[in-house]
Amino acid sequence: MSPKPSTVLTDAPRADDYLPWVVDATEVPEDVRTIILGSRDGAEERRALGAVLFTDIVDSTAVMAELGNRKWRDLIEAHNALIRRELVRYAGREVDTAGDGFCATFGGPSDAIECAHSAIEAVRWIGLDLRAGVHAGEFELIGEKAGHPKPSGLAMSIGARVLDIAEAGEVLTSDTVRQLLIGSDFTFSEHGLHELKGVPGRWRVFSVGD
């Protein structure tokens, strides 16, 4: 009977008194494979720290109704181009766009805030009002989108709920962002305690100046 196929888990050089570590992959306990290979069979979940920015066009439905579908489509294309320009400028990574809003991640909250303020100013030139929400935390990276890990999890939900509170021209942040940026040049103003839909507890939210 032919021997079972084996999987080599290391290619360390062979010495005279050493045999390479050769084992049957089916006999390696799952927890051991997790330690060696970094994940369980079939799992794609990873985690990363960062900041998330959500933007939204204020009163987009009313603007669309006033302009009509054709002009609205042209305006959205201009809006998207301007937002993407700012994302490149501040090293943001586009996660998703829902027609009248963007979601993007950044290495840290400073870039996310600066990008938000620049984006608000940029779209004013085409007659649109924007609002923005920023949060920082740990993302779950599950699968890929456009060749990049796709962030998800509670941190993303919190960022979206902070956006929901913002008014035209405002950049709102969670208290997490404020605490991370203590000592920075940003000016934070108290915006009150808020219940964020679907998120446990009440959250302190801040308006941040540029």
C-alpha atoms as a PDB file:
ATOM      1  CA  MET A   1       0.000   0.000   0.000  1.00  0.00           C
ATOM      2  CA  SER A   2       1.423   3.413  -0.983  1.00  0.00           C
ATOM      3  CA  PRO A   3       2.094   5.870   1.847  1.00  0.00           C
ATOM      4  CA  LYS A   4      -0.302   8.735   2.541  1.00  0.00           C
ATOM      5  CA  PRO A   5       0.535  12.075   0.898  1.00  0.00           C
ATOM      6  CA  SER A   6       2.146  14.463   3.368  1.00  0.00           C
ATOM      7  CA  THR A   7       2.304  18.228   3.755  1.00  0.00           C
ATOM      8  CA  VAL A   8       5.587  19.919   4.596  1.00  0.00           C
ATOM      9  CA  LEU A   9       4.903  22.750   7.069  1.00  0.00           C
ATOM     10  CA  THR A  10       8.431  24.105   7.005  1.00  0.00           C
ATOM     11  CA  ASP A  11      11.257  24.096   4.498  1.00  0.00           C
ATOM     12  CA  ALA A  12      14.034  24.582   7.063  1.00  0.00           C
ATOM     13  CA  PRO A  13      17.415  23.304   5.813  1.00  0.00           C
ATOM     14  CA  ARG A  14      18.299  19.708   6.655  1.00  0.00           C
ATOM     15  CA  ALA A  15      21.191  18.956   9.001  1.00  0.00           C
ATOM     16  CA  ASP A  16      22.912  15.591   9.450  1.00  0.00           C
ATOM     17  CA  ASP A  17      21.056  14.845  12.676  1.00  0.00           C
ATOM     18  CA  TYR A  18      17.744  16.471  11.669  1.00  0.00           C
ATOM     19  CA  LEU A  19      14.841  15.331   9.514  1.00  0.00           C
ATOM     20  CA  PRO A  20      12.481  17.964   8.027  1.00  0.00           C
ATOM     21  CA  TRP A  21       9.159  18.241   9.829  1.00  0.00           C
ATOM     22  CA  VAL A  22       6.887  16.142   7.648  1.00  0.00           C
ATOM     23  CA  VAL A  23       3.390  15.322   8.867  1.00  0.00           C
ATOM     24  CA  ASP A  24       0.066  14.143   7.557  1.00  0.00           C
ATOM     25  CA  ALA A  25      -2.005  17.334   7.335  1.00  0.00           C
ATOM     26  CA  THR A  26      -5.185  15.487   8.297  1.00  0.00           C
ATOM     27  CA  GLU A  27      -3.594  14.448  11.600  1.00  0.00           C
ATOM     28  CA  VAL A  28      -2.680  17.975  12.729  1.00  0.00           C
ATOM     29  CA  PRO A  29      -5.232  19.278  15.271  1.00  0.00           C
ATOM     30  CA  GLU A  30      -7.217  22.304  14.085  1.00  0.00           C
ATOM     31  CA  ASP A  31      -5.921  24.536  16.910  1.00  0.00           C
ATOM     32  CA  VAL A  32      -2.328  23.701  15.987  1.00  0.00           C
ATOM     33  CA  ARG A  33      -2.991  24.517  12.343  1.00  0.00           C
ATOM     34  CA  THR A  34      -4.483  27.834  13.502  1.00  0.00           C
ATOM     35  CA  ILE A  35      -1.274  28.740  15.353  1.00  0.00           C
ATOM     36  CA  ILE A  36       1.003  27.708  12.493  1.00  0.00           C
ATOM     37  CA  LEU A  37      -1.017  28.913   9.520  1.00  0.00           C
ATOM     38  CA  GLY A  38      -2.705  31.905  11.138  1.00  0.00           C
ATOM     39  CA  SER A  39      -6.337  30.947  10.496  1.00  0.00           C
ATOM     40  CA  ARG A  40      -8.796  28.080  10.678  1.00  0.00           C
ATOM     41  CA  ASP A  41      -9.779  26.087   7.607  1.00  0.00           C
ATOM     42  CA  GLY A  42     -11.959  28.206   5.342  1.00  0.00           C
ATOM     43  CA  ALA A  43     -11.754  31.295   7.549  1.00  0.00           C
ATOM     44  CA  GLU A  44     -11.010  34.629   5.930  1.00  0.00           C
ATOM     45  CA  GLU A  45     -11.560  36.894   8.917  1.00  0.00           C
ATOM     46  CA  ARG A  46      -8.811  39.282  10.003  1.00  0.00           C
ATOM     47  CA  ARG A  47      -8.788  42.428  12.108  1.00  0.00           C
ATOM     48  CA  ALA A  48      -7.245  45.861  11.705  1.00  0.00           C
ATOM     49  CA  LEU A  49      -7.267  49.191  13.522  1.00  0.00           C
ATOM     50  CA  GLY A  50      -8.138  52.332  11.594  1.00  0.00           C
ATOM     51  CA  ALA A  51     -10.623  55.143  11.049  1.00  0.00           C
ATOM     52  CA  VAL A  52     -13.772  55.182   8.953  1.00  0.00           C
ATOM     53  CA  LEU A  53     -15.384  58.141   7.227  1.00  0.00           C
ATOM     54  CA  PHE A  54     -18.988  58.264   6.031  1.00  0.00           C
ATOM     55  CA  THR A  55     -20.271  61.131   3.877  1.00  0.00           C
ATOM     56  CA  ASP A  56     -23.750  61.934   2.649  1.00  0.00           C
ATOM     57  CA  ILE A  57     -25.353  64.538   0.375  1.00  0.00           C
ATOM     58  CA  VAL A  58     -27.875  66.605   2.352  1.00  0.00           C
ATOM     59  CA  ASP A  59     -31.443  66.613   0.966  1.00  0.00           C
ATOM     60  CA  SER A  60     -30.362  64.529  -2.007  1.00  0.00           C
ATOM     61  CA  THR A  61     -33.907  63.406  -2.862  1.00  0.00           C
ATOM     62  CA  ALA A  62     -35.164  66.998  -3.050  1.00  0.00           C
ATOM     63  CA  VAL A  63     -32.208  68.024  -5.226  1.00  0.00           C
ATOM     64  CA  MET A  64     -32.800  65.068  -7.546  1.00  0.00           C
ATOM     65  CA  ALA A  65     -36.492  65.926  -7.868  1.00  0.00           C
ATOM     66  CA  GLU A  66     -35.642  69.527  -8.733  1.00  0.00           C
ATOM     67  CA  LEU A  67     -32.982  68.685 -11.310  1.00  0.00           C
ATOM     68  CA  GLY A  68     -34.436  65.587 -12.921  1.00  0.00           C
ATOM     69  CA  ASN A  69     -32.718  62.270 -13.475  1.00  0.00           C
ATOM     70  CA  ARG A  70     -30.356  63.294 -16.252  1.00  0.00           C
ATOM     71  CA  LYS A  71     -28.901  66.384 -14.555  1.00  0.00           C
ATOM     72  CA  TRP A  72     -28.782  64.553 -11.236  1.00  0.00           C
ATOM     73  CA  ARG A  73     -26.723  61.765 -12.786  1.00  0.00           C
ATOM     74  CA  ASP A  74     -24.232  64.312 -14.146  1.00  0.00           C
ATOM     75  CA  LEU A  75     -24.052  65.993 -10.746  1.00  0.00           C
ATOM     76  CA  ILE A  76     -23.449  62.688  -8.971  1.00  0.00           C
ATOM     77  CA  GLU A  77     -20.624  61.863 -11.361  1.00  0.00           C
ATOM     78  CA  ALA A  78     -19.005  65.198 -10.558  1.00  0.00           C
ATOM     79  CA  HIS A  79     -19.569  64.614  -6.837  1.00  0.00           C
ATOM     80  CA  ASN A  80     -17.980  61.163  -6.995  1.00  0.00           C
ATOM     81  CA  ALA A  81     -14.950  62.468  -8.862  1.00  0.00           C
ATOM     82  CA  LEU A  82     -14.401  65.216  -6.279  1.00  0.00           C
ATOM     83  CA  ILE A  83     -14.731  62.827  -3.328  1.00  0.00           C
ATOM     84  CA  ARG A  84     -12.343  60.331  -4.901  1.00  0.00           C
ATOM     85  CA  ARG A  85      -9.827  63.106  -5.495  1.00  0.00           C
ATOM     86  CA  GLU A  86      -9.870  63.910  -1.783  1.00  0.00           C
ATOM     87  CA  LEU A  87      -9.584  60.239  -0.855  1.00  0.00           C
ATOM     88  CA  VAL A  88      -6.407  60.008  -2.915  1.00  0.00           C
ATOM     89  CA  ARG A  89      -5.100  63.211  -1.350  1.00  0.00           C
ATOM     90  CA  TYR A  90      -5.542  61.883   2.197  1.00  0.00           C
ATOM     91  CA  ALA A  91      -4.661  58.231   1.541  1.00  0.00           C
ATOM     92  CA  GLY A  92      -8.198  56.979   2.062  1.00  0.00           C
ATOM     93  CA  ARG A  93      -9.479  53.706   0.675  1.00  0.00           C
ATOM     94  CA  GLU A  94     -12.952  53.681  -0.825  1.00  0.00           C
ATOM     95  CA  VAL A  95     -15.086  50.928   0.669  1.00  0.00           C
ATOM     96  CA  ASP A  96     -18.488  51.657  -0.827  1.00  0.00           C
ATOM     97  CA  THR A  97     -20.690  54.286  -2.419  1.00  0.00           C
ATOM     98  CA  ALA A  98     -24.466  54.302  -2.138  1.00  0.00           C
ATOM     99  CA  GLY A  99     -25.234  56.804  -4.890  1.00  0.00           C
ATOM    100  CA  ASP A 100     -25.250  59.901  -2.696  1.00  0.00           C
ATOM    101  CA  GLY A 101     -22.677  58.952  -0.061  1.00  0.00           C
ATOM    102  CA  PHE A 102     -19.253  57.416   0.446  1.00  0.00           C
ATOM    103  CA  CYS A 103     -17.654  55.104   2.961  1.00  0.00           C
ATOM    104  CA  ALA A 104     -13.847  55.062   3.208  1.00  0.00           C
ATOM    105  CA  THR A 105     -11.202  53.860   5.636  1.00  0.00           C
ATOM    106  CA  PHE A 106      -7.973  55.553   6.706  1.00  0.00           C
ATOM    107  CA  GLY A 107      -4.866  54.673   8.651  1.00  0.00           C
ATOM    108  CA  GLY A 108      -5.847  57.163  11.366  1.00  0.00           C
ATOM    109  CA  PRO A 109      -8.580  59.646  12.315  1.00  0.00           C
ATOM    110  CA  SER A 110      -6.607  62.800  11.437  1.00  0.00           C
ATOM    111  CA  ASP A 111      -6.614  61.956   7.731  1.00  0.00           C
ATOM    112  CA  ALA A 112     -10.291  61.000   7.871  1.00  0.00           C
ATOM    113  CA  ILE A 113     -11.256  64.346   9.452  1.00  0.00           C
ATOM    114  CA  GLU A 114      -9.154  66.418   7.062  1.00  0.00           C
ATOM    115  CA  CYS A 115     -10.559  64.502   4.112  1.00  0.00           C
ATOM    116  CA  ALA A 116     -14.099  65.144   5.379  1.00  0.00           C
ATOM    117  CA  HIS A 117     -13.569  68.907   5.613  1.00  0.00           C
ATOM    118  CA  SER A 118     -11.914  69.058   2.203  1.00  0.00           C
ATOM    119  CA  ALA A 119     -14.702  67.014   0.631  1.00  0.00           C
ATOM    120  CA  ILE A 120     -17.356  69.330   2.101  1.00  0.00           C
ATOM    121  CA  GLU A 121     -15.614  72.350   0.623  1.00  0.00           C
ATOM    122  CA  ALA A 122     -15.030  70.631  -2.723  1.00  0.00           C
ATOM    123  CA  VAL A 123     -18.659  69.738  -3.416  1.00  0.00           C
ATOM    124  CA  ARG A 124     -19.898  73.207  -2.482  1.00  0.00           C
ATOM    125  CA  TRP A 125     -18.422  74.332  -5.811  1.00  0.00           C
ATOM    126  CA  ILE A 126     -21.022  72.204  -7.591  1.00  0.00           C
ATOM    127  CA  GLY A 127     -23.891  73.333  -5.363  1.00  0.00           C
ATOM    128  CA  LEU A 128     -24.092  70.384  -2.972  1.00  0.00           C
ATOM    129  CA  ASP A 129     -24.103  70.274   0.809  1.00  0.00           C
ATOM    130  CA  LEU A 130     -22.310  67.400   2.461  1.00  0.00           C
ATOM    131  CA  ARG A 131     -22.213  66.043   6.004  1.00  0.00           C
ATOM    132  CA  ALA A 132     -19.757  63.562   7.500  1.00  0.00           C
ATOM    133  CA  GLY A 133     -19.227  61.143  10.381  1.00  0.00           C
ATOM    134  CA  VAL A 134     -15.910  59.713  11.616  1.00  0.00           C
ATOM    135  CA  HIS A 135     -15.161  56.870  14.012  1.00  0.00           C
ATOM    136  CA  ALA A 136     -12.021  54.906  14.876  1.00  0.00           C
ATOM    137  CA  GLY A 137     -11.779  51.326  16.042  1.00  0.00           C
ATOM    138  CA  GLU A 138     -11.089  47.745  15.110  1.00  0.00           C
ATOM    139  CA  PHE A 139     -12.543  46.421  11.864  1.00  0.00           C
ATOM    140  CA  GLU A 140     -13.224  42.865  10.890  1.00  0.00           C
ATOM    141  CA  LEU A 141     -11.777  42.185   7.439  1.00  0.00           C
ATOM    142  CA  ILE A 142     -13.893  39.550   5.766  1.00  0.00           C
ATOM    143  CA  GLY A 143     -13.391  38.683   2.120  1.00  0.00           C
ATOM    144  CA  GLU A 144     -12.349  41.231  -0.474  1.00  0.00           C
ATOM    145  CA  LYS A 145     -13.822  44.013  -2.546  1.00  0.00           C
ATOM    146  CA  ALA A 146     -12.010  45.536  -5.530  1.00  0.00           C
ATOM    147  CA  GLY A 147      -8.918  43.553  -4.554  1.00  0.00           C
ATOM    148  CA  HIS A 148      -8.774  44.886  -0.986  1.00  0.00           C
ATOM    149  CA  PRO A 149      -9.941  43.449   2.357  1.00  0.00           C
ATOM    150  CA  LYS A 150     -13.537  44.476   3.080  1.00  0.00           C
ATOM    151  CA  PRO A 151     -14.028  46.055   6.538  1.00  0.00           C
ATOM    152  CA  SER A 152     -17.144  45.300   8.559  1.00  0.00           C
ATOM    153  CA  GLY A 153     -18.277  45.022  12.163  1.00  0.00           C
ATOM    154  CA  LEU A 154     -19.466  47.326  14.931  1.00  0.00           C
ATOM    155  CA  ALA A 155     -16.886  50.051  14.241  1.00  0.00           C
ATOM    156  CA  MET A 156     -18.377  50.549  10.790  1.00  0.00           C
ATOM    157  CA  SER A 157     -21.905  50.705  12.193  1.00  0.00           C
ATOM    158  CA  ILE A 158     -20.907  53.332  14.750  1.00  0.00           C
ATOM    159  CA  GLY A 159     -19.390  55.527  12.031  1.00  0.00           C
ATOM    160  CA  ALA A 160     -22.590  55.309   9.993  1.00  0.00           C
ATOM    161  CA  ARG A 161     -24.758  56.218  13.010  1.00  0.00           C
ATOM    162  CA  VAL A 162     -22.568  59.218  13.847  1.00  0.00           C
ATOM    163  CA  LEU A 163     -23.148  60.431  10.285  1.00  0.00           C
ATOM    164  CA  ASP A 164     -26.920  60.164  10.802  1.00  0.00           C
ATOM    165  CA  ILE A 165     -26.725  62.878  13.480  1.00  0.00           C
ATOM    166  CA  ALA A 166     -24.728  65.371  11.390  1.00  0.00           C
ATOM    167  CA  GLU A 167     -26.243  68.421   9.729  1.00  0.00           C
ATOM    168  CA  ALA A 168     -25.151  70.141   6.507  1.00  0.00           C
ATOM    169  CA  GLY A 169     -21.484  71.119   6.595  1.00  0.00           C
ATOM    170  CA  GLU A 170     -20.809  69.270   9.857  1.00  0.00           C
ATOM    171  CA  VAL A 171     -18.091  66.747  10.590  1.00  0.00           C
ATOM    172  CA  LEU A 172     -19.091  64.737  13.662  1.00  0.00           C
ATOM    173  CA  THR A 173     -16.903  62.215  15.474  1.00  0.00           C
ATOM    174  CA  SER A 174     -17.295  59.691  18.231  1.00  0.00           C
ATOM    175  CA  ASP A 175     -15.639  60.333  21.603  1.00  0.00           C
ATOM    176  CA  THR A 176     -13.162  57.618  20.653  1.00  0.00           C
ATOM    177  CA  VAL A 177     -11.790  59.881  17.928  1.00  0.00           C
ATOM    178  CA  ARG A 178     -11.607  62.877  20.264  1.00  0.00           C
ATOM    179  CA  GLN A 179      -9.628  60.916  22.841  1.00  0.00           C
ATOM    180  CA  LEU A 180      -7.210  59.606  20.225  1.00  0.00           C
ATOM    181  CA  LEU A 181      -6.530  63.164  19.058  1.00  0.00           C
ATOM    182  CA  ILE A 182      -6.037  64.859  22.427  1.00  0.00           C
ATOM    183  CA  GLY A 183      -3.188  67.325  21.959  1.00  0.00           C
ATOM    184  CA  SER A 184      -3.793  67.705  18.221  1.00  0.00           C
ATOM    185  CA  ASP A 185      -4.656  70.958  16.447  1.00  0.00           C
ATOM    186  CA  PHE A 186      -8.291  69.928  15.973  1.00  0.00           C
ATOM    187  CA  THR A 187     -11.003  71.722  17.939  1.00  0.00           C
ATOM    188  CA  PHE A 188     -13.751  69.482  19.313  1.00  0.00           C
ATOM    189  CA  SER A 189     -17.099  70.845  20.477  1.00  0.00           C
ATOM    190  CA  GLU A 190     -19.554  68.812  22.544  1.00  0.00           C
ATOM    191  CA  HIS A 191     -22.557  67.635  20.528  1.00  0.00           C
ATOM    192  CA  GLY A 192     -24.293  65.771  23.348  1.00  0.00           C
ATOM    193  CA  LEU A 193     -25.094  62.197  24.324  1.00  0.00           C
ATOM    194  CA  HIS A 194     -26.832  60.192  21.640  1.00  0.00           C
ATOM    195  CA  GLU A 195     -28.358  56.777  21.203  1.00  0.00           C
ATOM    196  CA  LEU A 196     -26.919  55.264  18.056  1.00  0.00           C
ATOM    197  CA  LYS A 197     -29.419  52.944  16.399  1.00  0.00           C
ATOM    198  CA  GLY A 198     -28.451  49.331  16.949  1.00  0.00           C
ATOM    199  CA  VAL A 199     -25.412  50.228  19.097  1.00  0.00           C
ATOM    200  CA  PRO A 200     -25.532  49.535  22.861  1.00  0.00           C
ATOM    201  CA  GLY A 201     -25.457  52.437  25.329  1.00  0.00           C
ATOM    202  CA  ARG A 202     -25.345  56.181  24.789  1.00  0.00           C
ATOM    203  CA  TRP A 203     -22.438  57.797  22.961  1.00  0.00           C
ATOM    204  CA  ARG A 204     -20.814  61.197  23.316  1.00  0.00           C
ATOM    205  CA  VAL A 205     -20.538  62.840  19.926  1.00  0.00           C
ATOM    206  CA  PHE A 206     -18.388  65.831  18.985  1.00  0.00           C
ATOM    207  CA  SER A 207     -18.293  68.377  16.192  1.00  0.00           C
ATOM    208  CA  VAL A 208     -14.752  68.918  14.933  1.00  0.00           C
ATOM    209  CA  GLY A 209     -13.354  72.044  13.276  1.00  0.00           C
ATOM    210  CA  ASP A 210     -10.725  72.002  10.532  1.00  0.00           C
END
